[in-house]
Amino acid sequence: MAHKKGSGSTKNGRDSNSKRLGVKKYGGEKVNIGNILIRQRGNKFKLGNNVAQGKDYTIFSLISGIVRFEIIKKKKRKVSVYPI
């Protein structure tokens, strides 16, 4: 008969690092060329004027200007940058 409990394996103890997603520049803020506006998984925000999208769905500015968030239909949102 054993005098010590066997140390069983645990199935916990793992967690992924946070990916720091979300809006990085808000409406009305000034941005420069190449500034990241939004980091996202999938196309939650659509592309508006003067912005482009990276392969990981990151939206960034193509010109210097001011950020504007616009609503298309009810739940769809788009991001644009307009020159000052």
PDB file of N, CA and C in Angstrom:
ATOM      1  N   MET A   1       0.848  -1.189   0.000  1.00  0.00           N
ATOM      2  CA  MET A   1       0.000   0.000   0.000  1.00  0.00           C
ATOM      3  C   MET A   1       0.887   1.245   0.000  1.00  0.00           C
ATOM      4  N   ALA A   2       0.529   2.224  -0.827  1.00  0.00           N
ATOM      5  CA  ALA A   2       1.348   3.439  -0.943  1.00  0.00           C
ATOM      6  C   ALA A   2       1.172   4.335   0.274  1.00  0.00           C
ATOM      7  N   HIS A   3       2.263   4.983   0.648  1.00  0.00           N
ATOM      8  CA  HIS A   3       2.207   5.895   1.777  1.00  0.00           C
ATOM      9  C   HIS A   3       2.093   7.350   1.339  1.00  0.00           C
ATOM     10  N   LYS A   4       2.267   7.610   0.035  1.00  0.00           N
ATOM     11  CA  LYS A   4       2.140   8.986  -0.483  1.00  0.00           C
ATOM     12  C   LYS A   4       1.134   8.981  -1.628  1.00  0.00           C
ATOM     13  N   LYS A   5       0.414  10.091  -1.759  1.00  0.00           N
ATOM     14  CA  LYS A   5      -0.523  10.209  -2.877  1.00  0.00           C
ATOM     15  C   LYS A   5       0.255  10.386  -4.171  1.00  0.00           C
ATOM     16  N   GLY A   6      -0.190   9.763  -5.217  1.00  0.00           N
ATOM     17  CA  GLY A   6       0.448   9.971  -6.517  1.00  0.00           C
ATOM     18  C   GLY A   6       0.138  11.369  -7.018  1.00  0.00           C
ATOM     19  N   SER A   7       1.116  12.012  -7.668  1.00  0.00           N
ATOM     20  CA  SER A   7       0.860  13.365  -8.190  1.00  0.00           C
ATOM     21  C   SER A   7       0.244  13.244  -9.569  1.00  0.00           C
ATOM     22  N   GLY A   8      -1.041  13.482  -9.660  1.00  0.00           N
ATOM     23  CA  GLY A   8      -1.753  13.372 -10.918  1.00  0.00           C
ATOM     24  C   GLY A   8      -1.451  14.549 -11.828  1.00  0.00           C
ATOM     25  N   SER A   9      -1.662  14.368 -13.094  1.00  0.00           N
ATOM     26  CA  SER A   9      -1.422  15.469 -14.032  1.00  0.00           C
ATOM     27  C   SER A   9      -2.609  16.417 -14.014  1.00  0.00           C
ATOM     28  N   THR A  10      -2.341  17.671 -14.298  1.00  0.00           N
ATOM     29  CA  THR A  10      -3.414  18.665 -14.324  1.00  0.00           C
ATOM     30  C   THR A  10      -3.701  19.071 -15.765  1.00  0.00           C
ATOM     31  N   LYS A  11      -4.932  19.440 -16.043  1.00  0.00           N
ATOM     32  CA  LYS A  11      -5.290  19.858 -17.399  1.00  0.00           C
ATOM     33  C   LYS A  11      -5.418  21.368 -17.514  1.00  0.00           C
ATOM     34  N   ASN A  12      -5.093  22.078 -16.424  1.00  0.00           N
ATOM     35  CA  ASN A  12      -5.143  23.533 -16.443  1.00  0.00           C
ATOM     36  C   ASN A  12      -3.748  24.097 -16.676  1.00  0.00           C
ATOM     37  N   GLY A  13      -3.629  25.403 -16.516  1.00  0.00           N
ATOM     38  CA  GLY A  13      -2.304  25.995 -16.522  1.00  0.00           C
ATOM     39  C   GLY A  13      -1.842  26.564 -17.846  1.00  0.00           C
ATOM     40  N   ARG A  14      -2.703  26.650 -18.834  1.00  0.00           N
ATOM     41  CA  ARG A  14      -2.323  27.233 -20.122  1.00  0.00           C
ATOM     42  C   ARG A  14      -3.221  28.423 -20.420  1.00  0.00           C
ATOM     43  N   ASP A  15      -2.636  29.444 -20.995  1.00  0.00           N
ATOM     44  CA  ASP A  15      -3.430  30.590 -21.425  1.00  0.00           C
ATOM     45  C   ASP A  15      -2.642  31.310 -22.498  1.00  0.00           C
ATOM     46  N   SER A  16      -3.320  31.861 -23.468  1.00  0.00           N
ATOM     47  CA  SER A  16      -2.622  32.559 -24.550  1.00  0.00           C
ATOM     48  C   SER A  16      -2.404  34.015 -24.156  1.00  0.00           C
ATOM     49  N   ASN A  17      -1.413  34.621 -24.778  1.00  0.00           N
ATOM     50  CA  ASN A  17      -1.154  36.042 -24.550  1.00  0.00           C
ATOM     51  C   ASN A  17      -2.248  36.864 -25.207  1.00  0.00           C
ATOM     52  N   SER A  18      -2.609  37.996 -24.591  1.00  0.00           N
ATOM     53  CA  SER A  18      -3.637  38.848 -25.182  1.00  0.00           C
ATOM     54  C   SER A  18      -3.097  39.470 -26.459  1.00  0.00           C
ATOM     55  N   LYS A  19      -3.948  39.692 -27.446  1.00  0.00           N
ATOM     56  CA  LYS A  19      -3.516  40.146 -28.761  1.00  0.00           C
ATOM     57  C   LYS A  19      -3.673  41.643 -28.968  1.00  0.00           C
ATOM     58  N   ARG A  20      -4.129  42.364 -27.957  1.00  0.00           N
ATOM     59  CA  ARG A  20      -4.250  43.826 -27.999  1.00  0.00           C
ATOM     60  C   ARG A  20      -5.051  44.304 -29.211  1.00  0.00           C
ATOM     61  N   LEU A  21      -6.237  43.728 -29.381  1.00  0.00           N
ATOM     62  CA  LEU A  21      -7.115  44.116 -30.485  1.00  0.00           C
ATOM     63  C   LEU A  21      -7.938  45.333 -30.087  1.00  0.00           C
ATOM     64  N   GLY A  22      -8.580  45.953 -31.083  1.00  0.00           N
ATOM     65  CA  GLY A  22      -9.504  47.036 -30.792  1.00  0.00           C
ATOM     66  C   GLY A  22      -9.163  48.313 -31.517  1.00  0.00           C
ATOM     67  N   VAL A  23      -9.902  49.359 -31.197  1.00  0.00           N
ATOM     68  CA  VAL A  23      -9.738  50.667 -31.826  1.00  0.00           C
ATOM     69  C   VAL A  23      -8.517  51.347 -31.220  1.00  0.00           C
ATOM     70  N   LYS A  24      -7.609  51.811 -32.076  1.00  0.00           N
ATOM     71  CA  LYS A  24      -6.388  52.476 -31.615  1.00  0.00           C
ATOM     72  C   LYS A  24      -6.477  53.993 -31.756  1.00  0.00           C
ATOM     73  N   LYS A  25      -7.212  54.469 -32.739  1.00  0.00           N
ATOM     74  CA  LYS A  25      -7.432  55.911 -32.922  1.00  0.00           C
ATOM     75  C   LYS A  25      -8.936  56.131 -33.006  1.00  0.00           C
ATOM     76  N   TYR A  26      -9.442  57.096 -32.251  1.00  0.00           N
ATOM     77  CA  TYR A  26     -10.881  57.319 -32.155  1.00  0.00           C
ATOM     78  C   TYR A  26     -11.320  58.451 -33.080  1.00  0.00           C
ATOM     79  N   GLY A  27     -12.629  58.598 -33.243  1.00  0.00           N
ATOM     80  CA  GLY A  27     -13.193  59.629 -34.099  1.00  0.00           C
ATOM     81  C   GLY A  27     -12.762  61.022 -33.677  1.00  0.00           C
ATOM     82  N   GLY A  28     -12.347  61.833 -34.642  1.00  0.00           N
ATOM     83  CA  GLY A  28     -11.910  63.191 -34.357  1.00  0.00           C
ATOM     84  C   GLY A  28     -10.417  63.321 -34.102  1.00  0.00           C
ATOM     85  N   GLU A  29      -9.714  62.204 -33.960  1.00  0.00           N
ATOM     86  CA  GLU A  29      -8.270  62.260 -33.718  1.00  0.00           C
ATOM     87  C   GLU A  29      -7.511  62.491 -35.017  1.00  0.00           C
ATOM     88  N   LYS A  30      -6.387  63.202 -34.921  1.00  0.00           N
ATOM     89  CA  LYS A  30      -5.517  63.405 -36.074  1.00  0.00           C
ATOM     90  C   LYS A  30      -4.608  62.198 -36.235  1.00  0.00           C
ATOM     91  N   VAL A  31      -4.418  61.773 -37.484  1.00  0.00           N
ATOM     92  CA  VAL A  31      -3.532  60.643 -37.767  1.00  0.00           C
ATOM     93  C   VAL A  31      -2.576  61.004 -38.898  1.00  0.00           C
ATOM     94  N   ASN A  32      -1.467  60.304 -38.944  1.00  0.00           N
ATOM     95  CA  ASN A  32      -0.497  60.449 -40.022  1.00  0.00           C
ATOM     96  C   ASN A  32      -0.594  59.264 -40.967  1.00  0.00           C
ATOM     97  N   ILE A  33       0.140  59.324 -42.056  1.00  0.00           N
ATOM     98  CA  ILE A  33       0.155  58.226 -43.015  1.00  0.00           C
ATOM     99  C   ILE A  33       0.680  56.972 -42.323  1.00  0.00           C
ATOM    100  N   GLY A  34      -0.032  55.857 -42.484  1.00  0.00           N
ATOM    101  CA  GLY A  34       0.420  54.585 -41.933  1.00  0.00           C
ATOM    102  C   GLY A  34       0.008  54.315 -40.508  1.00  0.00           C
ATOM    103  N   ASN A  35      -0.632  55.276 -39.843  1.00  0.00           N
ATOM    104  CA  ASN A  35      -1.083  55.040 -38.468  1.00  0.00           C
ATOM    105  C   ASN A  35      -2.130  53.925 -38.437  1.00  0.00           C
ATOM    106  N   ILE A  36      -2.015  53.029 -37.466  1.00  0.00           N
ATOM    107  CA  ILE A  36      -2.999  51.954 -37.302  1.00  0.00           C
ATOM    108  C   ILE A  36      -4.235  52.523 -36.622  1.00  0.00           C
ATOM    109  N   LEU A  37      -5.395  52.288 -37.230  1.00  0.00           N
ATOM    110  CA  LEU A  37      -6.662  52.776 -36.682  1.00  0.00           C
ATOM    111  C   LEU A  37      -7.351  51.695 -35.853  1.00  0.00           C
ATOM    112  N   ILE A  38      -7.390  50.459 -36.393  1.00  0.00           N
ATOM    113  CA  ILE A  38      -8.106  49.369 -35.730  1.00  0.00           C
ATOM    114  C   ILE A  38      -7.356  48.063 -35.962  1.00  0.00           C
ATOM    115  N   ARG A  39      -7.235  47.273 -34.905  1.00  0.00           N
ATOM    116  CA  ARG A  39      -6.780  45.888 -35.040  1.00  0.00           C
ATOM    117  C   ARG A  39      -7.990  45.011 -34.758  1.00  0.00           C
ATOM    118  N   GLN A  40      -8.270  44.073 -35.657  1.00  0.00           N
ATOM    119  CA  GLN A  40      -9.500  43.301 -35.532  1.00  0.00           C
ATOM    120  C   GLN A  40      -9.305  41.886 -36.064  1.00  0.00           C
ATOM    121  N   ARG A  41     -10.177  40.996 -35.663  1.00  0.00           N
ATOM    122  CA  ARG A  41     -10.248  39.642 -36.210  1.00  0.00           C
ATOM    123  C   ARG A  41     -11.467  39.590 -37.110  1.00  0.00           C
ATOM    124  N   GLY A  42     -11.267  39.438 -38.390  1.00  0.00           N
ATOM    125  CA  GLY A  42     -12.384  39.494 -39.323  1.00  0.00           C
ATOM    126  C   GLY A  42     -12.723  40.935 -39.632  1.00  0.00           C
ATOM    127  N   ASN A  43     -13.730  41.125 -40.448  1.00  0.00           N
ATOM    128  CA  ASN A  43     -14.083  42.463 -40.933  1.00  0.00           C
ATOM    129  C   ASN A  43     -15.174  43.111 -40.100  1.00  0.00           C
ATOM    130  N   LYS A  44     -14.933  43.390 -38.824  1.00  0.00           N
ATOM    131  CA  LYS A  44     -15.964  44.033 -38.006  1.00  0.00           C
ATOM    132  C   LYS A  44     -16.210  45.455 -38.483  1.00  0.00           C
ATOM    133  N   PHE A  45     -15.140  46.167 -38.813  1.00  0.00           N
ATOM    134  CA  PHE A  45     -15.245  47.515 -39.364  1.00  0.00           C
ATOM    135  C   PHE A  45     -14.917  47.449 -40.846  1.00  0.00           C
ATOM    136  N   LYS A  46     -15.738  48.099 -41.661  1.00  0.00           N
ATOM    137  CA  LYS A  46     -15.518  48.118 -43.107  1.00  0.00           C
ATOM    138  C   LYS A  46     -14.598  49.276 -43.475  1.00  0.00           C
ATOM    139  N   LEU A  47     -14.081  49.232 -44.684  1.00  0.00           N
ATOM    140  CA  LEU A  47     -13.172  50.268 -45.154  1.00  0.00           C
ATOM    141  C   LEU A  47     -13.944  51.445 -45.722  1.00  0.00           C
ATOM    142  N   GLY A  48     -13.528  52.636 -45.337  1.00  0.00           N
ATOM    143  CA  GLY A  48     -14.110  53.858 -45.883  1.00  0.00           C
ATOM    144  C   GLY A  48     -13.113  54.539 -46.800  1.00  0.00           C
ATOM    145  N   ASN A  49     -13.097  55.864 -46.779  1.00  0.00           N
ATOM    146  CA  ASN A  49     -12.208  56.642 -47.633  1.00  0.00           C
ATOM    147  C   ASN A  49     -10.814  56.738 -47.027  1.00  0.00           C
ATOM    148  N   ASN A  50      -9.809  56.630 -47.873  1.00  0.00           N
ATOM    149  CA  ASN A  50      -8.406  56.852 -47.512  1.00  0.00           C
ATOM    150  C   ASN A  50      -7.882  55.924 -46.426  1.00  0.00           C
ATOM    151  N   VAL A  51      -8.403  54.711 -46.369  1.00  0.00           N
ATOM    152  CA  VAL A  51      -7.854  53.697 -45.468  1.00  0.00           C
ATOM    153  C   VAL A  51      -7.630  52.407 -46.262  1.00  0.00           C
ATOM    154  N   ALA A  52      -6.757  51.550 -45.738  1.00  0.00           N
ATOM    155  CA  ALA A  52      -6.498  50.261 -46.369  1.00  0.00           C
ATOM    156  C   ALA A  52      -6.472  49.194 -45.284  1.00  0.00           C
ATOM    157  N   GLN A  53      -6.445  47.929 -45.731  1.00  0.00           N
ATOM    158  CA  GLN A  53      -6.538  46.823 -44.789  1.00  0.00           C
ATOM    159  C   GLN A  53      -5.370  45.867 -45.002  1.00  0.00           C
ATOM    160  N   GLY A  54      -4.721  45.465 -43.911  1.00  0.00           N
ATOM    161  CA  GLY A  54      -3.631  44.502 -43.978  1.00  0.00           C
ATOM    162  C   GLY A  54      -4.167  43.086 -44.041  1.00  0.00           C
ATOM    163  N   LYS A  55      -3.244  42.123 -44.177  1.00  0.00           N
ATOM    164  CA  LYS A  55      -3.678  40.730 -44.312  1.00  0.00           C
ATOM    165  C   LYS A  55      -4.261  40.161 -43.024  1.00  0.00           C
ATOM    166  N   ASP A  56      -3.966  40.797 -41.878  1.00  0.00           N
ATOM    167  CA  ASP A  56      -4.570  40.364 -40.607  1.00  0.00           C
ATOM    168  C   ASP A  56      -5.763  41.243 -40.237  1.00  0.00           C
ATOM    169  N   TYR A  57      -6.352  41.910 -41.229  1.00  0.00           N
ATOM    170  CA  TYR A  57      -7.552  42.761 -41.102  1.00  0.00           C
ATOM    171  C   TYR A  57      -7.290  44.066 -40.354  1.00  0.00           C
ATOM    172  N   THR A  58      -6.021  44.428 -40.150  1.00  0.00           N
ATOM    173  CA  THR A  58      -5.694  45.708 -39.518  1.00  0.00           C
ATOM    174  C   THR A  58      -6.022  46.842 -40.479  1.00  0.00           C
ATOM    175  N   ILE A  59      -6.723  47.857 -39.996  1.00  0.00           N
ATOM    176  CA  ILE A  59      -7.059  49.016 -40.825  1.00  0.00           C
ATOM    177  C   ILE A  59      -6.093  50.144 -40.496  1.00  0.00           C
ATOM    178  N   PHE A  60      -5.488  50.719 -41.552  1.00  0.00           N
ATOM    179  CA  PHE A  60      -4.524  51.797 -41.357  1.00  0.00           C
ATOM    180  C   PHE A  60      -4.795  52.941 -42.321  1.00  0.00           C
ATOM    181  N   SER A  61      -4.226  54.098 -42.011  1.00  0.00           N
ATOM    182  CA  SER A  61      -4.485  55.322 -42.765  1.00  0.00           C
ATOM    183  C   SER A  61      -3.565  55.437 -43.974  1.00  0.00           C
ATOM    184  N   LEU A  62      -4.096  55.924 -45.080  1.00  0.00           N
ATOM    185  CA  LEU A  62      -3.303  56.167 -46.282  1.00  0.00           C
ATOM    186  C   LEU A  62      -2.904  57.628 -46.427  1.00  0.00           C
ATOM    187  N   ILE A  63      -3.549  58.512 -45.673  1.00  0.00           N
ATOM    188  CA  ILE A  63      -3.232  59.945 -45.721  1.00  0.00           C
ATOM    189  C   ILE A  63      -3.193  60.507 -44.304  1.00  0.00           C
ATOM    190  N   SER A  64      -2.676  61.703 -44.168  1.00  0.00           N
ATOM    191  CA  SER A  64      -2.768  62.414 -42.892  1.00  0.00           C
ATOM    192  C   SER A  64      -4.120  63.113 -42.845  1.00  0.00           C
ATOM    193  N   GLY A  65      -4.780  63.059 -41.711  1.00  0.00           N
ATOM    194  CA  GLY A  65      -6.088  63.694 -41.610  1.00  0.00           C
ATOM    195  C   GLY A  65      -6.765  63.365 -40.298  1.00  0.00           C
ATOM    196  N   ILE A  66      -8.091  63.411 -40.324  1.00  0.00           N
ATOM    197  CA  ILE A  66      -8.904  63.183 -39.128  1.00  0.00           C
ATOM    198  C   ILE A  66      -9.769  61.939 -39.328  1.00  0.00           C
ATOM    199  N   VAL A  67      -9.836  61.109 -38.289  1.00  0.00           N
ATOM    200  CA  VAL A  67     -10.587  59.851 -38.339  1.00  0.00           C
ATOM    201  C   VAL A  67     -12.069  60.121 -38.153  1.00  0.00           C
ATOM    202  N   ARG A  68     -12.892  59.407 -38.937  1.00  0.00           N
ATOM    203  CA  ARG A  68     -14.348  59.471 -38.757  1.00  0.00           C
ATOM    204  C   ARG A  68     -14.942  58.082 -38.837  1.00  0.00           C
ATOM    205  N   PHE A  69     -15.813  57.769 -37.875  1.00  0.00           N
ATOM    206  CA  PHE A  69     -16.545  56.507 -37.889  1.00  0.00           C
ATOM    207  C   PHE A  69     -17.951  56.796 -38.392  1.00  0.00           C
ATOM    208  N   GLU A  70     -18.402  56.000 -39.358  1.00  0.00           N
ATOM    209  CA  GLU A  70     -19.728  56.213 -39.942  1.00  0.00           C
ATOM    210  C   GLU A  70     -20.522  54.919 -39.859  1.00  0.00           C
ATOM    211  N   ILE A  71     -21.833  55.057 -39.769  1.00  0.00           N
ATOM    212  CA  ILE A  71     -22.705  53.893 -39.693  1.00  0.00           C
ATOM    213  C   ILE A  71     -23.384  53.692 -41.042  1.00  0.00           C
ATOM    214  N   ILE A  72     -23.222  52.474 -41.565  1.00  0.00           N
ATOM    215  CA  ILE A  72     -23.926  52.108 -42.795  1.00  0.00           C
ATOM    216  C   ILE A  72     -25.005  51.118 -42.379  1.00  0.00           C
ATOM    217  N   LYS A  73     -26.216  51.335 -42.813  1.00  0.00           N
ATOM    218  CA  LYS A  73     -27.356  50.519 -42.391  1.00  0.00           C
ATOM    219  C   LYS A  73     -27.474  50.569 -40.869  1.00  0.00           C
ATOM    220  N   LYS A  74     -27.786  49.453 -40.213  1.00  0.00           N
ATOM    221  CA  LYS A  74     -27.999  49.516 -38.763  1.00  0.00           C
ATOM    222  C   LYS A  74     -26.759  49.127 -37.976  1.00  0.00           C
ATOM    223  N   LYS A  75     -26.183  47.971 -38.292  1.00  0.00           N
ATOM    224  CA  LYS A  75     -25.096  47.471 -37.456  1.00  0.00           C
ATOM    225  C   LYS A  75     -23.736  47.523 -38.124  1.00  0.00           C
ATOM    226  N   LYS A  76     -23.679  47.922 -39.387  1.00  0.00           N
ATOM    227  CA  LYS A  76     -22.399  47.971 -40.069  1.00  0.00           C
ATOM    228  C   LYS A  76     -21.734  49.325 -39.854  1.00  0.00           C
ATOM    229  N   ARG A  77     -20.435  49.291 -39.552  1.00  0.00           N
ATOM    230  CA  ARG A  77     -19.685  50.525 -39.308  1.00  0.00           C
ATOM    231  C   ARG A  77     -18.526  50.609 -40.277  1.00  0.00           C
ATOM    232  N   LYS A  78     -18.206  51.822 -40.678  1.00  0.00           N
ATOM    233  CA  LYS A  78     -17.041  51.991 -41.536  1.00  0.00           C
ATOM    234  C   LYS A  78     -16.155  53.103 -40.999  1.00  0.00           C
ATOM    235  N   VAL A  79     -14.875  53.019 -41.333  1.00  0.00           N
ATOM    236  CA  VAL A  79     -13.880  53.968 -40.853  1.00  0.00           C
ATOM    237  C   VAL A  79     -13.306  54.702 -42.040  1.00  0.00           C
ATOM    238  N   SER A  80     -13.201  56.021 -41.925  1.00  0.00           N
ATOM    239  CA  SER A  80     -12.628  56.837 -42.985  1.00  0.00           C
ATOM    240  C   SER A  80     -11.646  57.821 -42.373  1.00  0.00           C
ATOM    241  N   VAL A  81     -10.740  58.310 -43.221  1.00  0.00           N
ATOM    242  CA  VAL A  81      -9.847  59.401 -42.823  1.00  0.00           C
ATOM    243  C   VAL A  81     -10.030  60.510 -43.835  1.00  0.00           C
ATOM    244  N   TYR A  82     -10.331  61.713 -43.349  1.00  0.00           N
ATOM    245  CA  TYR A  82     -10.542  62.858 -44.231  1.00  0.00           C
ATOM    246  C   TYR A  82      -9.425  63.870 -44.031  1.00  0.00           C
ATOM    247  N   PRO A  83      -8.944  64.488 -45.137  1.00  0.00           N
ATOM    248  CA  PRO A  83      -7.875  65.485 -45.002  1.00  0.00           C
ATOM    249  C   PRO A  83      -8.332  66.688 -44.202  1.00  0.00           C
ATOM    250  N   ILE A  84      -7.384  67.333 -43.558  1.00  0.00           N
ATOM    251  CA  ILE A  84      -7.700  68.493 -42.707  1.00  0.00           C
ATOM    252  C   ILE A  84      -7.954  69.709 -43.578  1.00  0.00           C
TER     253      ILE A  84
END
